[in-house]
Protein backbone atom coordinates (compact mmCIF):
# COMPACT_ATOMS: atom_id res chain seq x y z
CA UNK A 1 -0.06 -0.23 0.04
CA UNK A 2 2.95 2.51 0.82
CA UNK A 3 4.52 1.76 -2.76
CA UNK A 4 1.27 2.45 -4.07
CA UNK A 5 0.96 5.85 -2.88
CA UNK A 6 4.41 6.74 -4.47
CA UNK A 7 3.53 5.65 -7.06
CA UNK A 8 0.48 8.01 -7.28
CA UNK A 9 2.11 10.82 -5.50
CA UNK A 10 4.92 11.06 -8.41
CA UNK A 11 2.33 10.64 -11.33
CA UNK A 12 0.16 13.48 -9.87
CA UNK A 13 3.67 15.59 -9.34
CA UNK A 14 4.16 14.24 -13.26
CA UNK A 15 0.44 15.71 -13.98
CA UNK A 16 1.77 19.29 -11.98
CA UNK A 17 4.56 19.65 -14.34
CA UNK A 18 2.38 19.19 -17.54
CA UNK A 19 0.28 21.54 -16.33
CA UNK A 20 2.59 24.36 -15.48
CA UNK A 21 4.13 25.33 -18.67
CA UNK A 22 0.47 26.82 -19.30
CA UNK A 23 -1.55 29.24 -17.47
CA UNK A 24 -2.73 29.14 -13.87
CA UNK A 25 -6.71 28.51 -15.13
CA UNK A 26 -6.00 26.13 -17.53
CA UNK A 27 -3.97 24.32 -14.89
CA UNK A 28 -6.14 24.45 -12.66
CA UNK A 29 -9.33 23.21 -15.72
CA UNK A 30 -6.78 20.33 -16.52
CA UNK A 31 -6.00 19.24 -13.29
CA UNK A 32 -9.84 18.46 -12.56
CA UNK A 33 -9.93 17.00 -15.83
CA UNK A 34 -7.45 14.26 -14.80
CA UNK A 35 -7.89 12.88 -11.69
CA UNK A 36 -11.16 11.22 -12.18
CA UNK A 37 -9.34 8.65 -13.87
CA UNK A 38 -7.13 8.44 -10.74
CA UNK A 39 -10.33 6.55 -9.43
CA UNK A 40 -12.42 4.71 -12.35
CA UNK A 41 -11.80 4.32 -16.33
CA UNK A 42 -14.58 5.55 -17.87
CA UNK A 43 -16.51 2.75 -19.61
CA UNK A 44 -18.66 3.97 -23.11
CA UNK A 45 -20.94 1.78 -25.02
CA UNK A 46 -19.34 1.31 -28.56
CA UNK A 47 -15.52 1.83 -29.50
CA UNK A 48 -13.70 2.25 -26.85
CA UNK A 49 -11.77 5.06 -25.87
CA UNK A 50 -9.26 4.64 -23.43
CA UNK A 51 -8.30 7.35 -21.35
CA UNK A 52 -4.42 8.50 -21.13
CA UNK A 53 -2.91 6.07 -19.03
CA UNK A 54 -1.58 7.62 -16.02
CA UNK A 55 -0.46 5.12 -13.45
CA UNK A 56 0.73 1.69 -13.81
CA UNK A 57 1.99 -1.13 -11.21
CA UNK A 58 5.29 -0.59 -10.86
CA UNK A 59 7.59 -3.31 -8.95
CA UNK A 60 9.60 -2.31 -6.41
CA UNK A 61 11.41 -3.04 -2.84
CA UNK A 62 11.64 -2.14 0.63
CA UNK A 63 14.83 -1.50 2.19
CA UNK A 64 16.03 -1.94 5.88
CA UNK A 65 14.72 0.79 7.15
CA UNK A 66 11.02 0.24 5.56
CA UNK A 67 10.77 2.53 3.09
CA UNK A 68 9.07 1.58 -0.70
CA UNK A 69 11.69 2.18 -3.64
CA UNK A 70 10.95 1.99 -7.01
CA UNK A 71 11.89 3.33 -10.45
CA UNK A 72 9.50 5.45 -12.04
CA UNK A 73 9.54 6.32 -16.05
CA UNK A 74 8.81 10.05 -16.67
CA UNK A 75 8.56 10.82 -20.54
CA UNK A 76 8.77 14.70 -22.01
CA UNK A 77 6.13 15.81 -22.11
CA UNK A 78 6.46 19.75 -22.18
CA UNK A 79 4.55 21.54 -24.47
CA UNK A 80 6.93 23.71 -27.30
CA UNK A 81 5.55 27.06 -26.78
CA UNK A 82 9.23 28.68 -28.29
CA UNK A 83 8.48 26.74 -31.44
CA UNK A 84 5.17 27.50 -31.81
CA UNK A 85 5.84 31.74 -31.86
CA UNK A 86 8.54 31.06 -33.80
CA UNK A 87 6.55 29.56 -36.34
CA UNK A 88 3.83 32.48 -35.81
CA UNK A 89 6.02 34.90 -36.94
CA UNK A 90 7.23 33.01 -40.19
CA UNK A 91 3.81 32.61 -41.01
CA UNK A 92 3.51 36.49 -40.35
CA UNK A 93 6.65 37.60 -42.41
CA UNK A 94 5.44 35.14 -45.17
CA UNK A 95 2.19 37.05 -45.19
CA UNK A 96 3.56 40.45 -45.53
CA UNK A 97 5.77 39.05 -49.10
CA UNK A 98 3.00 37.42 -50.51
CA UNK A 99 1.08 40.80 -50.46
CA UNK A 100 4.04 42.53 -51.87
CA UNK A 101 4.76 40.32 -54.41
CA UNK A 102 0.49 40.71 -55.05
CA UNK A 103 0.92 44.11 -55.11
CA UNK A 104 3.66 44.20 -57.78
CA UNK A 105 1.46 42.17 -59.99
CA UNK A 106 -1.43 43.94 -59.90
CA UNK A 107 0.84 46.91 -60.97
CA UNK A 108 2.78 45.02 -63.90
CA UNK A 109 -0.75 43.78 -64.78
CA UNK A 110 -1.45 47.83 -65.03
CA UNK A 111 1.58 48.50 -67.38
CA UNK A 112 0.93 45.52 -69.81
CA UNK A 113 -2.73 47.10 -69.89
CA UNK A 114 -1.02 50.51 -70.93
CA UNK A 115 1.11 48.95 -73.19
CA UNK A 116 -1.29 46.93 -74.63
CA UNK A 117 -2.87 50.09 -75.77
CA UNK A 118 0.92 51.92 -76.99
CA UNK A 119 1.11 48.88 -79.32
CA UNK A 120 -2.53 49.28 -80.41
CA UNK A 121 -1.99 52.78 -81.14
CA UNK A 122 0.91 52.17 -82.90
CA UNK A 123 -0.24 49.84 -84.88
CA UNK A 124 -2.80 52.24 -85.97
CA UNK A 125 -0.27 54.95 -86.85
CA UNK A 126 1.30 52.44 -89.07
CA UNK A 127 -1.28 51.37 -90.85
CA UNK A 128 -2.38 55.04 -91.33
CA UNK A 129 1.11 55.31 -93.20
CA UNK A 130 0.55 52.50 -95.09
CA UNK A 131 -2.30 53.46 -96.42
CA UNK A 132 -1.66 57.16 -97.09
CA UNK A 133 1.09 58.63 -99.21
CA UNK A 134 3.71 58.59 -96.43
CA UNK A 135 6.22 55.68 -97.10
CA UNK A 136 9.64 54.40 -97.03
CA UNK A 137 11.32 52.03 -98.78
CA UNK A 138 14.61 50.27 -97.98
CA UNK A 139 17.54 52.40 -98.00
CA UNK A 140 20.25 53.08 -100.45
CA UNK A 141 23.17 53.42 -97.93
CA UNK A 142 25.71 53.33 -100.19
CA UNK A 143 23.99 56.07 -101.87
CA UNK A 144 24.02 58.10 -98.68
CA UNK A 145 27.77 57.55 -98.23
CA UNK A 146 27.84 59.29 -101.15
CA UNK A 147 26.16 62.31 -100.56
CA UNK A 148 27.87 63.20 -97.21
CA UNK A 149 31.15 62.15 -98.66
CA UNK A 150 30.47 65.22 -101.30
CA UNK A 151 29.24 67.51 -98.11
CA UNK A 152 32.62 66.82 -96.77
CA UNK A 153 34.70 67.48 -99.71
CA UNK A 154 32.52 70.32 -100.17
CA UNK A 155 33.36 71.93 -96.04
CA UNK A 156 36.88 71.02 -96.82
CA UNK A 157 37.02 72.68 -99.89
CA UNK A 158 34.85 75.95 -98.48
CA UNK A 159 37.60 76.11 -95.36
CA UNK A 160 40.52 78.18 -96.84
CA UNK A 161 38.37 80.09 -98.01
CA UNK A 162 36.79 82.16 -95.21
CA UNK A 163 38.86 85.13 -93.71
CA UNK A 164 38.66 84.80 -90.03
CA UNK A 165 36.30 82.47 -87.47
CA UNK A 166 35.41 79.11 -89.13
CA UNK A 167 33.17 78.57 -86.34
CA UNK A 168 29.90 78.07 -88.56
CA UNK A 169 31.93 75.99 -90.64
CA UNK A 170 33.41 73.50 -87.99
CA UNK A 171 30.48 73.11 -86.60
CA UNK A 172 29.01 71.56 -89.97
CA UNK A 173 31.95 69.36 -90.41
CA UNK A 174 31.76 67.83 -87.14
CA UNK A 175 28.05 67.59 -88.08
CA UNK A 176 28.62 65.64 -91.05
CA UNK A 177 31.24 63.47 -88.98
CA UNK A 178 28.26 62.86 -86.36
CA UNK A 179 25.95 61.87 -89.37
CA UNK A 180 28.45 59.39 -91.36
CA UNK A 181 28.62 57.07 -88.21
CA UNK A 182 24.88 57.60 -87.66
CA UNK A 183 24.63 56.18 -91.14
CA UNK A 184 26.68 52.84 -90.50
CA UNK A 185 24.94 51.93 -86.85
CA UNK A 186 21.50 51.94 -89.55
CA UNK A 187 23.40 49.84 -91.92
CA UNK A 188 24.22 47.55 -89.50
CA UNK A 189 20.94 47.34 -87.86
CA UNK A 190 18.11 48.78 -89.92
CA UNK A 191 17.44 48.29 -93.61
CA UNK A 192 14.30 50.21 -93.75
CA UNK A 193 14.89 54.48 -94.70
CA UNK A 194 14.91 56.84 -91.83
CA UNK A 195 13.13 59.99 -92.73
CA UNK A 196 14.98 61.93 -90.07
CA UNK A 197 18.02 60.81 -92.00
CA UNK A 198 16.80 62.50 -95.51
CA UNK A 199 16.00 65.82 -93.70
CA UNK A 200 18.74 66.21 -91.75
CA UNK A 201 20.82 65.73 -94.72
CA UNK A 202 18.73 68.34 -97.11
CA UNK A 203 19.38 70.94 -94.10
CA UNK A 204 23.36 70.57 -94.27
CA UNK A 205 22.89 70.99 -97.92
CA UNK A 206 21.35 73.68 -97.58
CA UNK A 207 23.48 75.52 -95.22
CA UNK A 208 26.21 74.56 -97.05
CA UNK A 209 24.96 75.93 -100.06
CA UNK A 210 24.68 79.34 -97.50
CA UNK A 211 27.85 79.21 -96.21
CA UNK A 212 29.12 78.89 -100.41
CA UNK A 213 27.32 81.83 -100.68
CA UNK A 214 28.69 84.03 -98.33
CA UNK A 215 31.91 83.24 -98.61
CA UNK A 216 31.75 84.10 -102.23
CA UNK A 217 30.70 87.42 -101.18
CA UNK A 218 33.98 89.21 -100.62
CA UNK A 219 34.10 91.18 -97.55
CA UNK A 220 36.39 93.96 -98.32
CA UNK A 221 38.06 94.88 -95.28
CA UNK A 222 38.03 98.75 -94.56
CA UNK A 223 40.51 101.22 -95.47
CA UNK A 224 42.47 102.79 -93.11
CA UNK A 225 45.89 105.64 -94.18
CA UNK A 226 49.29 104.19 -93.95
CA UNK A 227 50.73 105.58 -90.62
CA UNK A 228 47.56 106.37 -89.16
CA UNK A 229 45.57 104.92 -86.12
CA UNK A 230 42.47 105.75 -86.63
CA UNK A 231 40.97 102.20 -85.90
CA UNK A 232 40.70 100.52 -82.85
CA UNK A 233 43.52 98.09 -82.83
CA UNK A 234 44.17 94.63 -84.05
CA UNK A 235 41.44 92.44 -85.38
CA UNK A 236 43.00 89.79 -87.47
CA UNK A 237 46.35 88.31 -89.58
CA UNK A 238 46.24 86.52 -93.10
CA UNK A 239 47.92 83.99 -93.48
CA UNK A 240 52.03 83.38 -93.50
CA UNK A 241 53.51 84.78 -96.98
CA UNK A 242 56.94 82.88 -97.40
CA UNK A 243 59.13 86.02 -98.85
CA UNK A 244 62.66 83.92 -99.02
CA UNK A 245 65.15 82.22 -97.27
CA UNK A 246 67.56 84.70 -95.44
CA UNK A 247 70.62 85.26 -97.56
CA UNK A 248 73.24 83.73 -95.43
CA UNK A 249 71.30 80.30 -95.76
CA UNK A 250 69.57 77.79 -93.18
CA UNK A 251 71.75 77.56 -90.72
CA UNK A 252 71.12 81.11 -89.57
CA UNK A 253 67.80 80.31 -87.71
CA UNK A 254 68.13 83.08 -85.92
CA UNK A 255 68.04 87.32 -86.81
CA UNK A 256 65.62 90.13 -87.90
CA UNK A 257 64.22 91.25 -91.08
CA UNK A 258 61.67 93.95 -92.27
CA UNK A 259 61.44 97.39 -93.73
CA UNK A 260 62.13 101.17 -93.26
CA UNK A 261 59.92 103.34 -91.38
CA UNK A 262 60.16 106.89 -92.50
CA UNK A 263 57.34 109.17 -91.59
CA UNK A 264 59.01 112.29 -93.80
CA UNK A 265 58.97 109.51 -96.73
CA UNK A 266 56.84 106.75 -96.33
CA UNK A 267 56.11 105.45 -99.66
CA UNK A 268 60.60 105.00 -99.92
CA UNK A 269 61.20 101.16 -99.88
CA UNK A 270 64.32 100.02 -98.07
CA UNK A 271 64.44 96.35 -96.74
CA UNK A 272 66.91 94.92 -93.80
CA UNK A 273 67.91 91.21 -93.29
CA UNK A 274 70.33 91.14 -89.81
CA UNK A 275 70.69 87.38 -89.72
CA UNK A 276 72.77 86.25 -86.23
CA UNK A 277 75.95 84.11 -86.45
CA UNK A 278 75.17 80.39 -86.12
CA UNK A 279 75.33 80.83 -82.53
CA UNK A 280 71.66 82.65 -82.17
CA UNK A 281 73.65 85.51 -80.41
CA UNK A 282 76.38 87.60 -82.49
CA UNK A 283 75.06 90.35 -84.75
CA UNK A 284 77.59 91.18 -86.99
CA UNK A 285 76.40 91.31 -90.74
CA UNK A 286 73.33 93.38 -92.73
CA UNK A 287 72.16 93.58 -95.97
CA UNK A 288 70.43 96.69 -97.09
CA UNK A 289 67.99 96.33 -100.18
CA UNK A 290 66.34 99.65 -102.21
CA UNK A 291 63.58 97.34 -103.40
CA UNK A 292 61.31 94.13 -102.38
CA UNK A 293 61.92 92.95 -105.67
CA UNK A 294 66.14 93.28 -105.12
CA UNK A 295 65.34 91.20 -101.78
CA UNK A 296 64.06 88.73 -103.96
CA UNK A 297 66.58 88.48 -106.32
CA UNK A 298 69.14 88.84 -103.51
CA UNK A 299 70.41 92.15 -104.75
CA UNK A 300 71.41 94.17 -102.02
CA UNK A 301 72.29 97.86 -102.24
CA UNK A 302 74.89 96.79 -100.22
CA UNK A 303 76.41 94.40 -97.10
CA UNK A 304 77.57 96.30 -93.79
CA UNK A 305 79.47 94.48 -91.05
CA UNK A 306 79.47 95.89 -87.20
CA UNK A 307 81.02 95.23 -84.16
CA UNK A 308 79.08 93.23 -82.14
CA UNK A 309 75.28 93.54 -81.74
CA UNK A 310 73.67 90.96 -79.51
CA UNK A 311 70.16 89.08 -80.27
CA UNK A 312 67.51 89.29 -82.97
CA UNK A 313 65.76 92.70 -81.50
CA UNK A 314 66.96 95.14 -84.05
CA UNK A 315 64.87 97.75 -85.77
CA UNK A 316 65.21 100.23 -88.88
CA UNK A 317 63.79 103.11 -88.63
CA UNK A 318 64.42 106.50 -90.40
CA UNK A 319 67.34 105.01 -92.20
CA UNK A 320 69.04 104.10 -88.68
CA UNK A 321 69.78 100.54 -87.68
CA UNK A 322 68.83 100.16 -83.50
CA UNK A 323 70.30 96.81 -82.00
CA UNK A 324 71.68 96.23 -78.41
CA UNK A 325 75.35 96.18 -78.03
CA UNK A 326 76.86 92.87 -77.22
CA UNK A 327 77.12 91.75 -73.47
CA UNK A 328 75.74 95.56 -72.31
CA UNK A 329 73.21 97.76 -71.10
CA UNK A 330 74.02 99.45 -73.97
CA UNK A 331 71.71 101.04 -77.17
CA UNK A 332 73.18 101.41 -80.50
CA UNK A 333 72.21 103.53 -82.81
CA UNK A 334 73.59 102.73 -86.53
CA UNK A 335 73.72 104.58 -89.75
CA UNK A 336 73.42 102.21 -92.62
CA UNK A 337 74.05 104.79 -95.61
CA UNK A 338 77.33 105.48 -93.76
CA UNK A 339 77.48 102.00 -91.82
CA UNK A 340 79.23 104.23 -89.36
CA UNK A 341 77.63 104.60 -85.10
CA UNK A 342 76.09 107.28 -84.41
CA UNK A 343 75.17 107.12 -80.92
CA UNK A 344 75.63 105.03 -77.80
CA UNK A 345 74.04 105.01 -74.72
CA UNK A 346 72.97 102.80 -71.77
CA UNK A 347 69.30 101.65 -70.88
CA UNK A 348 68.86 102.24 -67.04
CA UNK A 349 68.28 98.96 -65.41
CA UNK A 350 67.67 96.80 -68.20
CA UNK A 351 68.27 92.73 -67.17
CA UNK A 352 71.00 91.37 -69.63
CA UNK A 353 72.92 88.43 -70.19
CA UNK A 354 69.70 86.63 -71.04
CA UNK A 355 68.09 86.92 -67.76
CA UNK A 356 64.35 87.53 -69.09
CA UNK A 357 64.84 86.27 -72.76
CA UNK A 358 61.76 85.70 -74.96
CA UNK A 359 60.47 81.69 -74.45
CA UNK A 360 62.48 79.62 -76.91
CA UNK A 361 64.65 82.26 -78.02
CA UNK A 362 67.71 83.02 -76.21
CA UNK A 363 69.78 86.71 -76.07
CA UNK A 364 66.24 88.74 -76.74
CA UNK A 365 67.07 90.94 -73.58
CA UNK A 366 66.52 94.67 -75.36
CA UNK A 367 63.75 94.41 -78.55
CA UNK A 368 63.55 97.84 -80.32
CA UNK A 369 60.06 98.04 -82.09
CA UNK A 370 58.71 100.75 -84.72
CA UNK A 371 55.04 101.87 -84.68
CA UNK A 372 53.23 105.11 -86.31
CA UNK A 373 54.48 106.78 -83.23
CA UNK A 374 57.97 106.56 -83.59
CA UNK A 375 60.79 104.27 -81.79
CA UNK A 376 60.00 101.52 -78.45
CA UNK A 377 62.36 99.58 -76.40
CA UNK A 378 61.10 96.11 -74.80
CA UNK A 379 62.72 94.41 -72.24
CA UNK A 380 62.90 93.68 -68.52
CA UNK A 381 64.17 94.72 -65.32
CA UNK A 382 64.64 92.84 -62.15
CA UNK A 383 62.41 95.61 -60.01
CA UNK A 384 59.76 94.49 -62.45
CA UNK A 385 60.43 90.94 -61.52
CA UNK A 386 61.12 89.74 -65.04
CA UNK A 387 57.98 91.38 -66.72
CA UNK A 388 57.44 92.91 -69.74
CA UNK A 389 58.45 96.84 -69.51
CA UNK A 390 57.93 99.39 -72.50
CA UNK A 391 59.89 102.18 -73.36
CA UNK A 392 59.69 104.97 -75.95
CA UNK A 393 62.56 106.41 -76.70
CA UNK A 394 63.78 109.77 -78.19
CA UNK A 395 65.09 108.10 -81.76
CA UNK A 396 67.67 111.10 -82.24
CA UNK A 397 69.00 111.43 -78.55
CA UNK A 398 67.81 107.35 -77.35
CA UNK A 399 66.45 109.18 -74.57
CA UNK A 400 63.74 107.44 -72.64
CA UNK A 401 60.70 109.19 -72.73
CA UNK A 402 58.08 107.46 -70.71
CA UNK A 403 58.04 103.80 -68.78
CA UNK A 404 55.57 101.61 -68.64
CA UNK A 405 55.56 98.57 -66.48
CA UNK A 406 53.19 95.70 -67.25
CA UNK A 407 52.35 92.27 -65.12
CA UNK A 408 53.26 89.71 -68.02
CA UNK A 409 56.35 87.84 -67.11
CA UNK A 410 58.56 88.08 -70.51
CA UNK A 411 60.02 84.58 -71.16
CA UNK A 412 56.57 83.93 -70.88
CA UNK A 413 56.14 84.94 -74.54
CA UNK A 414 57.55 84.45 -77.33
CA UNK A 415 57.71 87.69 -78.65
CA UNK A 416 56.34 91.19 -79.18
CA UNK A 417 56.06 93.63 -81.02
CA UNK A 418 54.42 97.38 -80.98
CA UNK A 419 51.24 98.98 -82.96
CA UNK A 420 49.50 102.52 -82.60
CA UNK A 421 50.97 102.78 -79.25
CA UNK A 422 49.70 98.74 -78.27
CA UNK A 423 52.05 96.33 -77.07
CA UNK A 424 50.98 92.49 -78.64
CA UNK A 425 52.64 89.44 -77.17
CA UNK A 426 52.70 86.16 -78.62
CA UNK A 427 53.26 82.78 -77.55
CA UNK A 428 53.42 79.22 -79.02
CA UNK A 429 50.24 76.76 -79.27
CA UNK A 430 52.05 74.24 -81.35
CA UNK A 431 54.69 73.63 -84.12
CA UNK A 432 52.08 75.49 -86.50
CA UNK A 433 50.15 77.61 -84.91
CA UNK A 434 51.30 80.87 -82.90
CA UNK A 435 48.52 83.25 -81.14
CA UNK A 436 48.85 86.91 -80.27
CA UNK A 437 47.13 86.68 -76.73
CA UNK A 438 48.34 89.86 -74.89
CA UNK A 439 48.04 93.72 -74.91
CA UNK A 440 48.85 96.46 -73.44
CA UNK A 441 47.62 99.96 -74.59
CA UNK A 442 50.60 102.57 -73.40
CA UNK A 443 47.58 105.50 -73.76
CA UNK A 444 45.46 104.32 -71.04
CA UNK A 445 47.56 101.48 -69.36
CA UNK A 446 45.11 99.01 -69.48
CA UNK A 447 46.12 95.48 -70.81
CA UNK A 448 43.74 92.61 -72.24
CA UNK A 449 43.61 89.03 -73.02
CA UNK A 450 43.24 88.79 -77.08
CA UNK A 451 43.08 85.88 -79.25
CA UNK A 452 44.33 86.13 -82.56
CA UNK A 453 45.68 82.94 -84.46
CA UNK A 454 48.69 83.13 -86.73
CA UNK A 455 49.60 79.97 -88.70
CA UNK A 456 53.95 79.63 -89.16
CA UNK A 457 55.70 77.37 -91.08
CA UNK A 458 58.24 76.30 -88.86
CA UNK A 459 58.50 76.08 -85.01
CA UNK A 460 60.15 79.09 -83.68
CA UNK A 461 59.32 82.98 -84.08
CA UNK A 462 63.11 84.80 -83.58
CA UNK A 463 61.53 88.28 -84.47
CA UNK A 464 58.28 90.00 -85.38
CA UNK A 465 58.71 93.76 -86.68
CA UNK A 466 55.50 95.48 -87.26
CA UNK A 467 55.65 98.66 -90.47
CA UNK A 468 52.97 101.06 -90.25
CA UNK A 469 53.82 101.38 -94.44
CA UNK A 470 52.77 98.46 -95.47
CA UNK A 471 50.52 97.53 -92.49
CA UNK A 472 52.44 94.02 -92.19
CA UNK A 473 54.16 92.10 -89.65
CA UNK A 474 57.88 90.98 -91.17
CA UNK A 475 58.80 87.44 -89.07
CA UNK A 476 61.70 85.95 -89.12
CA UNK A 477 60.76 82.07 -88.77
CA UNK A 478 63.54 79.79 -88.34
CA UNK A 479 65.57 81.66 -90.71
CA UNK A 480 62.82 82.44 -93.27
CA UNK A 481 61.68 85.56 -94.18
CA UNK A 482 57.71 85.48 -93.56
CA UNK A 483 55.15 88.41 -93.85
CA UNK A 484 51.48 88.90 -92.26
CA UNK A 485 49.07 91.33 -93.43
CA UNK A 486 46.98 92.81 -91.07
CA UNK A 487 43.55 93.98 -90.35
CA UNK A 488 41.90 96.28 -88.31
CA UNK A 489 39.36 96.96 -86.54
CA UNK A 490 36.89 99.53 -87.79
């Protein structure tokens, strides 16, 4: 009897442990439901539904002290609440994802309906084209390529005939290039005619025709009398005209040349050519020509020797050659008719010894220039930290009449010249182009940036001299004598 009570007690503890995993109310109800089975089984008519077996006979033993000992197997009957909660969370997540995907399906259905309507509209438009007068035939790409090639040739031929800016021509040329690429793409992708291409070709042909008509209308630049400054400054320069190679040969790459300017006798034709020795520093020989024809025919009036000048900065003004004396700050006035040195005067503060020469041109520390108002000298000083200094000279005494200090660094420019009291400086863009990019007006003290492109035949420009009589730039370009016509702003 004692062992039976222990078994019942253990079974009761098992029931209590099972009920402990639920709420308090559920535990009470479950206990009252289970307890009747401890007293008697339930008998029903028909099929017997046996209640859970909550007890069993267990063989035990009694120890020396009279205590009943037995072994009882308690199965793991704890309800998995945590797993159920995880399943609920997963079910909720899946439900949300399903709703999202269902919304996408609804949206895609609406888009498909819209695309179907658009396709229907396009079909109607195509049918209208087929039934109407507008038609498309197979595109003859070879014919198109020939037409585009002819357009390209016309543009190429038109370029040299225009004076000044060719921005419109360049734009048309770029559009033709893009059109060629587009036609090639169409040829590889589609064999049907594209009306837009036809329209574009027609438009380009029309624009080219207009450009040709405008090019054929020769625009005569306004005339300004030689030696006057009634214009608004430099506008453009012409293509280079190569006069000849200097009389000493191709090895004499440094030097200067130009036409004498005599205000009292502007029609007088006197040209000088002064190549430096092959070291690019010594000025020793020069030639004088009494006409341009004699210059072309190598028929000098006389050839003279001086001892010694330095650099390519010489200039001829009113039958006197002005040059920089070798290895000094002295300016020299030389009478070309008598081949004698008339005057020698120091230029105060001038930097020498190739200190601030032009870019790419050595030993041009002192550069003489002539314009409508007379004789100038372009140089640099230590006080002006290497920037260009302009001085107006008295051609008789070589006294400095006035001086202007610019903010343009002299070694950053390739050359400079004076025109109507305005300094113009150049710089190389590449081996074939030079740019007049800087100007300084001595009448106002104002400086400005401009852009006038000069084509050049060889890499380096050694000197530039402006002549007010013929209104040309005379350029010494790697041993060749080159000239440019100047166009002024009205």
